[in-house]
Amino acid sequence: MARRWTNDLTRSDATPRSVYMNRRQLMAGLGGASLLGVAGRAHAQEELEPNSLEEITSYNNFYEFGTSKTDPKKYADQLTTEPWSIEVDGLVDNPGRFSMEDILSQFDIEERIYRMRCVEAWSMVIPWNGFELADLLSVAGVQDEAKFVAFQTLMRPEEMPGQQYPILEWPYVEGLRMDEAMHPLTIMATGIYGEPMPNQNGAPIRLVVPWKYGFKGIKSIVRITALAEQPPTTWALAAPGVYGFYANVNPNVDHPNWSQATERRVGGGLFSKRRDTLMFNGYEDEVASLYEGMDLTATENI
């Protein structure tokens, strides 16, 4: 597939693997202090002492395995990821099922180094391995009347114990507008740091949209559907007064529990200088045109 995007970050900009994998434990160790991340062009950061393998794989958000940050480490190893396939259906000319073998052989897997930000107020620079979602949708042959793309996570409560409880509405679902899905920044990630995606981080394949908050990164995807109407999304269903459909990074709209206006980079030290959060997580030049005329402070648009 033709490459349509040029990376402006390098491996030297990336958050160290130990910091990315162990971010929750790092925050806990700071006694509840707010630890925020960088937006805009990443800068060289001070190296932290690497954590052990046990530490760096023990703290993740993946509610299918439970609400505790240690639950994914405890239970994700029981998730069977081989064989794996994604069903592509809805308003497409070529509906069908793509195996991971098909995906890895048919699409150009490349490294994308992206700034990433989460609603919990940390952000980092992560080297993802993946391919543009647009390539998969093009092969499926999206029809003109399709205006949205819906995603669905695996539903397998015998392997994903969090799904045995009504924490959220299962299966986990997410959605993008079609122009967002077709944007060259939007990728399907199959790994991080040059290695296959860990189970607790969304193996074997997940969505990455770098100008949106982290909950817009649905994990362990099994279905992608082209639709004419806007699909439901899990967090908008769970807290409609807080989370809307779009999840764009907007420093001018505070979360009910914290400000979005400024940030401090994970790995840069607790007392590093705070900086302004950039609109669309620093990707304004690339994506602002998608939202012209929209009120990006309205609940339904955040």
C-alpha atoms as a PDB file:
ATOM      1  CA  MET A   1       0.000   0.000   0.000  1.00  0.00           C
ATOM      2  CA  ALA A   2       1.199   3.541  -0.710  1.00  0.00           C
ATOM      3  CA  ARG A   3       2.482   5.442   2.280  1.00  0.00           C
ATOM      4  CA  ARG A   4       0.501   8.646   2.834  1.00  0.00           C
ATOM      5  CA  TRP A   5       2.020  10.059   6.012  1.00  0.00           C
ATOM      6  CA  THR A   6       5.480  11.263   7.024  1.00  0.00           C
ATOM      7  CA  ASN A   7       6.689  10.725  10.580  1.00  0.00           C
ATOM      8  CA  ASP A   8       8.091  13.829  12.329  1.00  0.00           C
ATOM      9  CA  LEU A   9       9.292  11.984  15.429  1.00  0.00           C
ATOM     10  CA  THR A  10      12.216   9.620  15.966  1.00  0.00           C
ATOM     11  CA  ARG A  11      12.974   6.792  18.375  1.00  0.00           C
ATOM     12  CA  SER A  12      14.929   9.281  20.521  1.00  0.00           C
ATOM     13  CA  ASP A  13      11.639  11.125  21.124  1.00  0.00           C
ATOM     14  CA  ALA A  14       9.816   8.020  22.290  1.00  0.00           C
ATOM     15  CA  THR A  15       8.826   7.418  25.883  1.00  0.00           C
ATOM     16  CA  PRO A  16      11.087   4.620  27.200  1.00  0.00           C
ATOM     17  CA  ARG A  17       9.382   1.237  27.041  1.00  0.00           C
ATOM     18  CA  SER A  18       9.702   0.785  30.807  1.00  0.00           C
ATOM     19  CA  VAL A  19       7.887   4.086  31.441  1.00  0.00           C
ATOM     20  CA  TYR A  20       5.089   3.311  28.980  1.00  0.00           C
ATOM     21  CA  MET A  21       4.476  -0.192  30.296  1.00  0.00           C
ATOM     22  CA  ASN A  22       4.796   0.840  33.955  1.00  0.00           C
ATOM     23  CA  ARG A  23       3.046   4.216  33.941  1.00  0.00           C
ATOM     24  CA  ARG A  24       0.387   3.262  36.489  1.00  0.00           C
ATOM     25  CA  GLN A  25       2.873   2.048  39.045  1.00  0.00           C
ATOM     26  CA  LEU A  26       4.976   5.166  38.509  1.00  0.00           C
ATOM     27  CA  MET A  27       1.968   7.354  39.265  1.00  0.00           C
ATOM     28  CA  ALA A  28       1.055   5.344  42.341  1.00  0.00           C
ATOM     29  CA  GLY A  29       4.590   5.703  43.638  1.00  0.00           C
ATOM     30  CA  LEU A  30       4.316   9.488  43.500  1.00  0.00           C
ATOM     31  CA  GLY A  31       1.794   9.457  46.322  1.00  0.00           C
ATOM     32  CA  GLY A  32      -1.174  10.513  44.236  1.00  0.00           C
ATOM     33  CA  ALA A  33       0.523  13.592  42.784  1.00  0.00           C
ATOM     34  CA  SER A  34      -0.752  14.602  39.367  1.00  0.00           C
ATOM     35  CA  LEU A  35       1.632  13.390  36.686  1.00  0.00           C
ATOM     36  CA  LEU A  36       0.794  14.794  33.269  1.00  0.00           C
ATOM     37  CA  GLY A  37       2.302  14.411  29.798  1.00  0.00           C
ATOM     38  CA  VAL A  38       3.778  16.413  26.934  1.00  0.00           C
ATOM     39  CA  ALA A  39       1.830  17.634  23.951  1.00  0.00           C
ATOM     40  CA  GLY A  40       3.293  18.966  20.732  1.00  0.00           C
ATOM     41  CA  ARG A  41       6.751  18.079  19.392  1.00  0.00           C
ATOM     42  CA  ALA A  42       8.397  15.657  21.816  1.00  0.00           C
ATOM     43  CA  HIS A  43      11.674  16.582  23.487  1.00  0.00           C
ATOM     44  CA  ALA A  44      14.482  14.410  24.769  1.00  0.00           C
ATOM     45  CA  GLN A  45      13.560  13.108  28.214  1.00  0.00           C
ATOM     46  CA  GLU A  46      15.573  11.951  31.118  1.00  0.00           C
ATOM     47  CA  GLU A  47      15.929   8.173  31.317  1.00  0.00           C
ATOM     48  CA  LEU A  48      14.403   6.403  34.289  1.00  0.00           C
ATOM     49  CA  GLU A  49      15.897   3.309  35.807  1.00  0.00           C
ATOM     50  CA  PRO A  50      14.356   0.370  33.927  1.00  0.00           C
ATOM     51  CA  ASN A  51      11.768  -1.615  35.808  1.00  0.00           C
ATOM     52  CA  SER A  52      11.709  -5.381  36.014  1.00  0.00           C
ATOM     53  CA  LEU A  53       9.642  -7.371  33.525  1.00  0.00           C
ATOM     54  CA  GLU A  54       7.164  -8.113  36.314  1.00  0.00           C
ATOM     55  CA  GLU A  55       6.753  -4.400  37.058  1.00  0.00           C
ATOM     56  CA  ILE A  56       6.427  -3.169  33.494  1.00  0.00           C
ATOM     57  CA  THR A  57       3.617  -5.573  32.610  1.00  0.00           C
ATOM     58  CA  SER A  58       1.552  -5.178  35.784  1.00  0.00           C
ATOM     59  CA  TYR A  59      -0.378  -1.917  35.375  1.00  0.00           C
ATOM     60  CA  ASN A  60      -2.871  -1.439  32.524  1.00  0.00           C
ATOM     61  CA  ASN A  61      -6.453  -0.382  31.799  1.00  0.00           C
ATOM     62  CA  PHE A  62      -8.350  -3.209  30.115  1.00  0.00           C
ATOM     63  CA  TYR A  63     -11.754  -3.539  31.753  1.00  0.00           C
ATOM     64  CA  GLU A  64     -12.422  -6.875  30.096  1.00  0.00           C
ATOM     65  CA  PHE A  65      -9.978  -8.283  32.638  1.00  0.00           C
ATOM     66  CA  GLY A  66     -11.196  -6.256  35.627  1.00  0.00           C
ATOM     67  CA  THR A  67     -11.059  -2.748  37.066  1.00  0.00           C
ATOM     68  CA  SER A  68      -7.820  -3.108  39.011  1.00  0.00           C
ATOM     69  CA  LYS A  69      -4.659  -2.019  37.229  1.00  0.00           C
ATOM     70  CA  THR A  70      -3.134  -5.385  38.117  1.00  0.00           C
ATOM     71  CA  ASP A  71      -5.987  -7.454  36.686  1.00  0.00           C
ATOM     72  CA  PRO A  72      -4.767  -7.475  33.058  1.00  0.00           C
ATOM     73  CA  LYS A  73      -1.420  -8.893  34.172  1.00  0.00           C
ATOM     74  CA  LYS A  74      -3.169 -11.538  36.241  1.00  0.00           C
ATOM     75  CA  TYR A  75      -5.684 -12.634  33.641  1.00  0.00           C
ATOM     76  CA  ALA A  76      -4.638 -11.525  30.136  1.00  0.00           C
ATOM     77  CA  ASP A  77      -2.350 -14.515  29.652  1.00  0.00           C
ATOM     78  CA  GLN A  78      -5.436 -16.711  29.424  1.00  0.00           C
ATOM     79  CA  LEU A  79      -6.657 -14.815  26.356  1.00  0.00           C
ATOM     80  CA  THR A  80      -6.247 -16.915  23.230  1.00  0.00           C
ATOM     81  CA  THR A  81      -5.027 -14.707  20.368  1.00  0.00           C
ATOM     82  CA  GLU A  82      -4.220 -17.434  17.830  1.00  0.00           C
ATOM     83  CA  PRO A  83      -6.044 -17.938  15.578  1.00  0.00           C
ATOM     84  CA  TRP A  84      -7.533 -14.448  15.277  1.00  0.00           C
ATOM     85  CA  SER A  85      -9.603 -12.758  12.614  1.00  0.00           C
ATOM     86  CA  ILE A  86     -11.516  -9.531  12.048  1.00  0.00           C
ATOM     87  CA  GLU A  87     -14.898  -9.513  10.353  1.00  0.00           C
ATOM     88  CA  VAL A  88     -15.451  -6.503   8.082  1.00  0.00           C
ATOM     89  CA  ASP A  89     -19.097  -5.962   7.177  1.00  0.00           C
ATOM     90  CA  GLY A  90     -21.882  -3.441   6.775  1.00  0.00           C
ATOM     91  CA  LEU A  91     -21.907  -1.020   3.850  1.00  0.00           C
ATOM     92  CA  VAL A  92     -18.959  -2.520   1.990  1.00  0.00           C
ATOM     93  CA  ASP A  93     -18.687  -4.178  -1.418  1.00  0.00           C
ATOM     94  CA  ASN A  94     -16.405  -6.945  -0.216  1.00  0.00           C
ATOM     95  CA  PRO A  95     -17.503  -8.097   3.244  1.00  0.00           C
ATOM     96  CA  GLY A  96     -15.441 -10.849   4.722  1.00  0.00           C
ATOM     97  CA  ARG A  97     -13.133 -12.092   7.420  1.00  0.00           C
ATOM     98  CA  PHE A  98      -9.450 -11.190   7.573  1.00  0.00           C
ATOM     99  CA  SER A  99      -7.142 -13.480   9.538  1.00  0.00           C
ATOM    100  CA  MET A 100      -4.135 -11.982  11.289  1.00  0.00           C
ATOM    101  CA  GLU A 101      -1.980 -13.898   8.821  1.00  0.00           C
ATOM    102  CA  ASP A 102      -3.809 -12.145   5.972  1.00  0.00           C
ATOM    103  CA  ILE A 103      -3.399  -8.778   7.647  1.00  0.00           C
ATOM    104  CA  LEU A 104       0.307  -9.133   8.380  1.00  0.00           C
ATOM    105  CA  SER A 105       1.056 -10.327   4.860  1.00  0.00           C
ATOM    106  CA  GLN A 106      -1.284  -8.031   2.902  1.00  0.00           C
ATOM    107  CA  PHE A 107      -0.707  -4.673   4.578  1.00  0.00           C
ATOM    108  CA  ASP A 108       2.509  -2.725   5.058  1.00  0.00           C
ATOM    109  CA  ILE A 109       3.337  -2.868   8.770  1.00  0.00           C
ATOM    110  CA  GLU A 110       5.465   0.139   9.648  1.00  0.00           C
ATOM    111  CA  GLU A 111       6.555   2.027  12.724  1.00  0.00           C
ATOM    112  CA  ARG A 112       4.515   5.105  13.610  1.00  0.00           C
ATOM    113  CA  ILE A 113       5.875   7.235  16.450  1.00  0.00           C
ATOM    114  CA  TYR A 114       2.946   9.158  17.886  1.00  0.00           C
ATOM    115  CA  ARG A 115       2.258  11.532  20.725  1.00  0.00           C
ATOM    116  CA  MET A 116      -0.514   9.953  22.816  1.00  0.00           C
ATOM    117  CA  ARG A 117      -2.655  11.500  25.567  1.00  0.00           C
ATOM    118  CA  CYS A 118      -5.104  10.016  28.041  1.00  0.00           C
ATOM    119  CA  VAL A 119      -8.059  11.558  29.840  1.00  0.00           C
ATOM    120  CA  GLU A 120      -6.404  10.604  33.123  1.00  0.00           C
ATOM    121  CA  ALA A 121      -3.887  13.357  32.300  1.00  0.00           C
ATOM    122  CA  TRP A 122      -0.695  11.585  31.287  1.00  0.00           C
ATOM    123  CA  SER A 123       0.773  11.468  27.819  1.00  0.00           C
ATOM    124  CA  MET A 124       3.838  10.070  26.105  1.00  0.00           C
ATOM    125  CA  VAL A 125       5.438   9.330  22.761  1.00  0.00           C
ATOM    126  CA  ILE A 126       4.975   5.725  21.660  1.00  0.00           C
ATOM    127  CA  PRO A 127       6.409   3.804  18.696  1.00  0.00           C
ATOM    128  CA  TRP A 128       3.516   1.750  17.342  1.00  0.00           C
ATOM    129  CA  ASN A 129       3.782  -0.898  14.656  1.00  0.00           C
ATOM    130  CA  GLY A 130       0.789  -1.026  12.363  1.00  0.00           C
ATOM    131  CA  PHE A 131      -0.898  -0.010   9.114  1.00  0.00           C
ATOM    132  CA  GLU A 132      -3.381   2.617   8.026  1.00  0.00           C
ATOM    133  CA  LEU A 133      -6.984   1.690   8.689  1.00  0.00           C
ATOM    134  CA  ALA A 134      -7.784   3.295   5.330  1.00  0.00           C
ATOM    135  CA  ASP A 135      -5.932   0.457   3.593  1.00  0.00           C
ATOM    136  CA  LEU A 136      -8.199  -2.171   5.138  1.00  0.00           C
ATOM    137  CA  LEU A 137     -11.339  -0.149   4.406  1.00  0.00           C
ATOM    138  CA  SER A 138     -10.238   0.357   0.819  1.00  0.00           C
ATOM    139  CA  VAL A 139      -9.826  -3.380   0.301  1.00  0.00           C
ATOM    140  CA  ALA A 140     -13.312  -3.890   1.789  1.00  0.00           C
ATOM    141  CA  GLY A 141     -14.725  -1.353  -0.657  1.00  0.00           C
ATOM    142  CA  VAL A 142     -16.598   1.138   1.519  1.00  0.00           C
ATOM    143  CA  GLN A 143     -19.815   2.303  -0.136  1.00  0.00           C
ATOM    144  CA  ASP A 144     -20.676   5.977  -0.595  1.00  0.00           C
ATOM    145  CA  GLU A 145     -23.540   5.905   1.909  1.00  0.00           C
ATOM    146  CA  ALA A 146     -21.241   4.739   4.721  1.00  0.00           C
ATOM    147  CA  LYS A 147     -20.480   7.725   6.972  1.00  0.00           C
ATOM    148  CA  PHE A 148     -19.194   5.959  10.128  1.00  0.00           C
ATOM    149  CA  VAL A 149     -17.085   2.992  11.163  1.00  0.00           C
ATOM    150  CA  ALA A 150     -17.939   0.899  14.234  1.00  0.00           C
ATOM    151  CA  PHE A 151     -15.490  -1.348  16.096  1.00  0.00           C
ATOM    152  CA  GLN A 152     -16.135  -4.215  18.490  1.00  0.00           C
ATOM    153  CA  THR A 153     -13.888  -5.961  20.997  1.00  0.00           C
ATOM    154  CA  LEU A 154     -13.822  -9.703  21.505  1.00  0.00           C
ATOM    155  CA  MET A 155     -16.590 -11.038  23.765  1.00  0.00           C
ATOM    156  CA  ARG A 156     -15.245 -14.088  25.564  1.00  0.00           C
ATOM    157  CA  PRO A 157     -16.102 -13.966  29.287  1.00  0.00           C
ATOM    158  CA  GLU A 158     -14.540 -17.360  29.967  1.00  0.00           C
ATOM    159  CA  GLU A 159     -11.162 -15.782  29.077  1.00  0.00           C
ATOM    160  CA  MET A 160     -11.961 -12.147  29.915  1.00  0.00           C
ATOM    161  CA  PRO A 161     -13.328 -12.287  33.470  1.00  0.00           C
ATOM    162  CA  GLY A 162     -14.278  -8.606  33.630  1.00  0.00           C
ATOM    163  CA  GLN A 163     -17.010  -9.352  31.122  1.00  0.00           C
ATOM    164  CA  GLN A 164     -18.705 -11.532  33.722  1.00  0.00           C
ATOM    165  CA  TYR A 165     -19.714  -8.340  35.590  1.00  0.00           C
ATOM    166  CA  PRO A 166     -21.780  -5.295  34.474  1.00  0.00           C
ATOM    167  CA  ILE A 167     -18.852  -2.890  34.754  1.00  0.00           C
ATOM    168  CA  LEU A 168     -19.656  -1.582  31.277  1.00  0.00           C
ATOM    169  CA  GLU A 169     -22.001  -2.657  28.514  1.00  0.00           C
ATOM    170  CA  TRP A 170     -20.358  -5.625  26.763  1.00  0.00           C
ATOM    171  CA  PRO A 171     -18.960  -6.120  24.257  1.00  0.00           C
ATOM    172  CA  TYR A 172     -16.864  -2.963  24.246  1.00  0.00           C
ATOM    173  CA  VAL A 173     -17.643  -0.809  21.207  1.00  0.00           C
ATOM    174  CA  GLU A 174     -16.124   2.277  19.632  1.00  0.00           C
ATOM    175  CA  GLY A 175     -16.677   4.372  16.526  1.00  0.00           C
ATOM    176  CA  LEU A 176     -15.214   6.947  14.180  1.00  0.00           C
ATOM    177  CA  ARG A 177     -16.634   9.160  11.522  1.00  0.00           C
ATOM    178  CA  MET A 178     -15.606   7.853   8.085  1.00  0.00           C
ATOM    179  CA  ASP A 179     -13.289  10.765   7.343  1.00  0.00           C
ATOM    180  CA  GLU A 180     -11.559  10.193  10.701  1.00  0.00           C
ATOM    181  CA  ALA A 181     -11.201   6.499   9.947  1.00  0.00           C
ATOM    182  CA  MET A 182      -9.755   7.185   6.492  1.00  0.00           C
ATOM    183  CA  HIS A 183      -7.289   9.795   7.755  1.00  0.00           C
ATOM    184  CA  PRO A 184      -3.667   8.657   7.276  1.00  0.00           C
ATOM    185  CA  LEU A 185      -2.881   9.191  10.972  1.00  0.00           C
ATOM    186  CA  THR A 186      -5.433   6.542  11.996  1.00  0.00           C
ATOM    187  CA  ILE A 187      -3.845   3.113  12.244  1.00  0.00           C
ATOM    188  CA  MET A 188      -4.519  -0.434  13.286  1.00  0.00           C
ATOM    189  CA  ALA A 189      -1.637  -1.272  15.617  1.00  0.00           C
ATOM    190  CA  THR A 190      -0.218  -4.787  15.809  1.00  0.00           C
ATOM    191  CA  GLY A 191       2.697  -4.085  18.136  1.00  0.00           C
ATOM    192  CA  ILE A 192       4.729  -1.611  20.179  1.00  0.00           C
ATOM    193  CA  TYR A 193       8.469  -1.006  20.416  1.00  0.00           C
ATOM    194  CA  GLY A 194       9.037  -3.403  17.526  1.00  0.00           C
ATOM    195  CA  GLU A 195       7.441  -6.320  19.369  1.00  0.00           C
ATOM    196  CA  PRO A 196       4.020  -7.995  19.062  1.00  0.00           C
ATOM    197  CA  MET A 197       1.253  -6.319  21.047  1.00  0.00           C
ATOM    198  CA  PRO A 198       1.139  -7.649  24.640  1.00  0.00           C
ATOM    199  CA  ASN A 199      -2.192  -9.218  25.603  1.00  0.00           C
ATOM    200  CA  GLN A 200      -2.845  -6.632  28.290  1.00  0.00           C
ATOM    201  CA  ASN A 201      -2.304  -3.809  25.784  1.00  0.00           C
ATOM    202  CA  GLY A 202      -4.821  -5.042  23.235  1.00  0.00           C
ATOM    203  CA  ALA A 203      -3.342  -8.045  21.423  1.00  0.00           C
ATOM    204  CA  PRO A 204      -3.281  -8.890  18.689  1.00  0.00           C
ATOM    205  CA  ILE A 205      -4.654  -5.721  17.049  1.00  0.00           C
ATOM    206  CA  ARG A 206      -6.070  -2.413  18.280  1.00  0.00           C
ATOM    207  CA  LEU A 207      -7.040   1.062  17.087  1.00  0.00           C
ATOM    208  CA  VAL A 208      -4.728   4.092  17.472  1.00  0.00           C
ATOM    209  CA  VAL A 209      -5.981   7.634  16.747  1.00  0.00           C
ATOM    210  CA  PRO A 210      -3.289  10.036  18.027  1.00  0.00           C
ATOM    211  CA  TRP A 211      -5.314  13.273  18.124  1.00  0.00           C
ATOM    212  CA  LYS A 212      -7.969  11.720  20.375  1.00  0.00           C
ATOM    213  CA  TYR A 213      -7.948  10.711  24.047  1.00  0.00           C
ATOM    214  CA  GLY A 214      -6.746   7.235  24.951  1.00  0.00           C
ATOM    215  CA  PHE A 215     -10.149   5.657  25.479  1.00  0.00           C
ATOM    216  CA  LYS A 216     -10.628   5.994  21.706  1.00  0.00           C
ATOM    217  CA  GLY A 217      -8.129   3.133  21.295  1.00  0.00           C
ATOM    218  CA  ILE A 218     -10.316   0.028  21.328  1.00  0.00           C
ATOM    219  CA  LYS A 219      -8.380  -3.193  21.956  1.00  0.00           C
ATOM    220  CA  SER A 220      -8.532  -6.804  20.711  1.00  0.00           C
ATOM    221  CA  ILE A 221     -10.775  -5.914  17.778  1.00  0.00           C
ATOM    222  CA  VAL A 222     -12.886  -8.647  16.139  1.00  0.00           C
ATOM    223  CA  ARG A 223     -15.335  -6.654  14.023  1.00  0.00           C
ATOM    224  CA  ILE A 224     -15.323  -3.490  11.908  1.00  0.00           C
ATOM    225  CA  THR A 225     -18.617  -2.307  10.416  1.00  0.00           C
ATOM    226  CA  ALA A 226     -19.306   0.496   7.927  1.00  0.00           C
ATOM    227  CA  LEU A 227     -22.535   2.310   8.799  1.00  0.00           C
ATOM    228  CA  ALA A 228     -24.727   5.146   7.566  1.00  0.00           C
ATOM    229  CA  GLU A 229     -25.595   6.280  11.113  1.00  0.00           C
ATOM    230  CA  GLN A 230     -23.412   7.170  14.099  1.00  0.00           C
ATOM    231  CA  PRO A 231     -22.766   4.056  16.208  1.00  0.00           C
ATOM    232  CA  PRO A 232     -22.882   3.858  20.012  1.00  0.00           C
ATOM    233  CA  THR A 233     -19.579   3.994  21.915  1.00  0.00           C
ATOM    234  CA  THR A 234     -18.921   2.400  25.279  1.00  0.00           C
ATOM    235  CA  TRP A 235     -17.842   5.450  27.294  1.00  0.00           C
ATOM    236  CA  ALA A 236     -20.565   7.683  25.853  1.00  0.00           C
ATOM    237  CA  LEU A 237     -23.062   5.034  26.959  1.00  0.00           C
ATOM    238  CA  ALA A 238     -21.472   4.767  30.412  1.00  0.00           C
ATOM    239  CA  ALA A 239     -21.201   8.508  31.125  1.00  0.00           C
ATOM    240  CA  PRO A 240     -22.996  10.550  28.448  1.00  0.00           C
ATOM    241  CA  GLY A 241     -22.618  13.796  30.370  1.00  0.00           C
ATOM    242  CA  VAL A 242     -18.835  13.407  30.413  1.00  0.00           C
ATOM    243  CA  TYR A 243     -17.817  11.522  27.267  1.00  0.00           C
ATOM    244  CA  GLY A 244     -19.142  12.283  23.805  1.00  0.00           C
ATOM    245  CA  PHE A 245     -18.581  10.537  20.504  1.00  0.00           C
ATOM    246  CA  TYR A 246     -15.520  12.411  19.288  1.00  0.00           C
ATOM    247  CA  ALA A 247     -12.984  12.365  22.162  1.00  0.00           C
ATOM    248  CA  ASN A 248     -10.793  15.023  20.541  1.00  0.00           C
ATOM    249  CA  VAL A 249      -8.078  16.534  22.725  1.00  0.00           C
ATOM    250  CA  ASN A 250      -9.365  20.031  23.522  1.00  0.00           C
ATOM    251  CA  PRO A 251      -7.440  21.952  26.211  1.00  0.00           C
ATOM    252  CA  ASN A 252     -10.307  24.458  26.485  1.00  0.00           C
ATOM    253  CA  VAL A 253     -12.724  21.873  27.914  1.00  0.00           C
ATOM    254  CA  ASP A 254     -12.026  20.557  31.404  1.00  0.00           C
ATOM    255  CA  HIS A 255     -12.851  17.039  32.480  1.00  0.00           C
ATOM    256  CA  PRO A 256     -15.153  17.179  35.536  1.00  0.00           C
ATOM    257  CA  ASN A 257     -12.283  15.925  37.692  1.00  0.00           C
ATOM    258  CA  TRP A 258      -9.252  17.776  36.283  1.00  0.00           C
ATOM    259  CA  SER A 259      -8.075  20.528  33.970  1.00  0.00           C
ATOM    260  CA  GLN A 260      -6.986  19.729  30.430  1.00  0.00           C
ATOM    261  CA  ALA A 261      -5.215  23.062  29.912  1.00  0.00           C
ATOM    262  CA  THR A 262      -1.641  22.171  30.839  1.00  0.00           C
ATOM    263  CA  GLU A 263       0.526  19.088  30.900  1.00  0.00           C
ATOM    264  CA  ARG A 264       3.732  17.638  32.262  1.00  0.00           C
ATOM    265  CA  ARG A 265       5.438  14.810  30.444  1.00  0.00           C
ATOM    266  CA  VAL A 266       5.647  11.305  31.877  1.00  0.00           C
ATOM    267  CA  GLY A 267       9.331  10.545  32.358  1.00  0.00           C
ATOM    268  CA  GLY A 268      10.312  14.203  32.490  1.00  0.00           C
ATOM    269  CA  GLY A 269      10.305  14.336  36.281  1.00  0.00           C
ATOM    270  CA  LEU A 270       7.658  15.400  38.779  1.00  0.00           C
ATOM    271  CA  PHE A 271       9.004  18.960  38.919  1.00  0.00           C
ATOM    272  CA  SER A 272       9.533  19.466  35.204  1.00  0.00           C
ATOM    273  CA  LYS A 273       7.987  22.626  33.774  1.00  0.00           C
ATOM    274  CA  ARG A 274       4.341  22.367  32.825  1.00  0.00           C
ATOM    275  CA  ARG A 275       3.412  23.316  29.291  1.00  0.00           C
ATOM    276  CA  ASP A 276       0.232  24.179  27.484  1.00  0.00           C
ATOM    277  CA  THR A 277      -1.769  21.302  26.076  1.00  0.00           C
ATOM    278  CA  LEU A 278      -2.038  21.651  22.321  1.00  0.00           C
ATOM    279  CA  MET A 279      -5.315  21.335  20.444  1.00  0.00           C
ATOM    280  CA  PHE A 280      -5.804  17.883  18.923  1.00  0.00           C
ATOM    281  CA  ASN A 281      -2.743  16.727  20.892  1.00  0.00           C
ATOM    282  CA  GLY A 282      -0.444  18.675  18.579  1.00  0.00           C
ATOM    283  CA  TYR A 283      -1.971  17.360  15.333  1.00  0.00           C
ATOM    284  CA  GLU A 284      -4.066  20.465  14.643  1.00  0.00           C
ATOM    285  CA  ASP A 285      -2.469  21.154  11.259  1.00  0.00           C
ATOM    286  CA  GLU A 286      -3.333  17.645  10.106  1.00  0.00           C
ATOM    287  CA  VAL A 287      -6.877  17.212  11.431  1.00  0.00           C
ATOM    288  CA  ALA A 288      -8.518  20.553  12.342  1.00  0.00           C
ATOM    289  CA  SER A 289     -10.155  20.783   8.930  1.00  0.00           C
ATOM    290  CA  LEU A 290     -12.207  17.673   9.774  1.00  0.00           C
ATOM    291  CA  TYR A 291     -14.130  19.643  12.410  1.00  0.00           C
ATOM    292  CA  GLU A 292     -14.712  23.031  10.778  1.00  0.00           C
ATOM    293  CA  GLY A 293     -18.018  24.527  11.903  1.00  0.00           C
ATOM    294  CA  MET A 294     -18.445  22.190  14.886  1.00  0.00           C
ATOM    295  CA  ASP A 295     -18.794  23.399  18.467  1.00  0.00           C
ATOM    296  CA  LEU A 296     -15.958  21.436  20.076  1.00  0.00           C
ATOM    297  CA  THR A 297     -17.087  22.414  23.574  1.00  0.00           C
ATOM    298  CA  ALA A 298     -20.550  20.848  23.274  1.00  0.00           C
ATOM    299  CA  THR A 299     -20.985  17.592  25.209  1.00  0.00           C
ATOM    300  CA  GLU A 300     -22.076  15.651  22.143  1.00  0.00           C
ATOM    301  CA  ASN A 301     -18.920  16.782  20.318  1.00  0.00           C
ATOM    302  CA  ILE A 302     -16.328  16.000  22.989  1.00  0.00           C
END
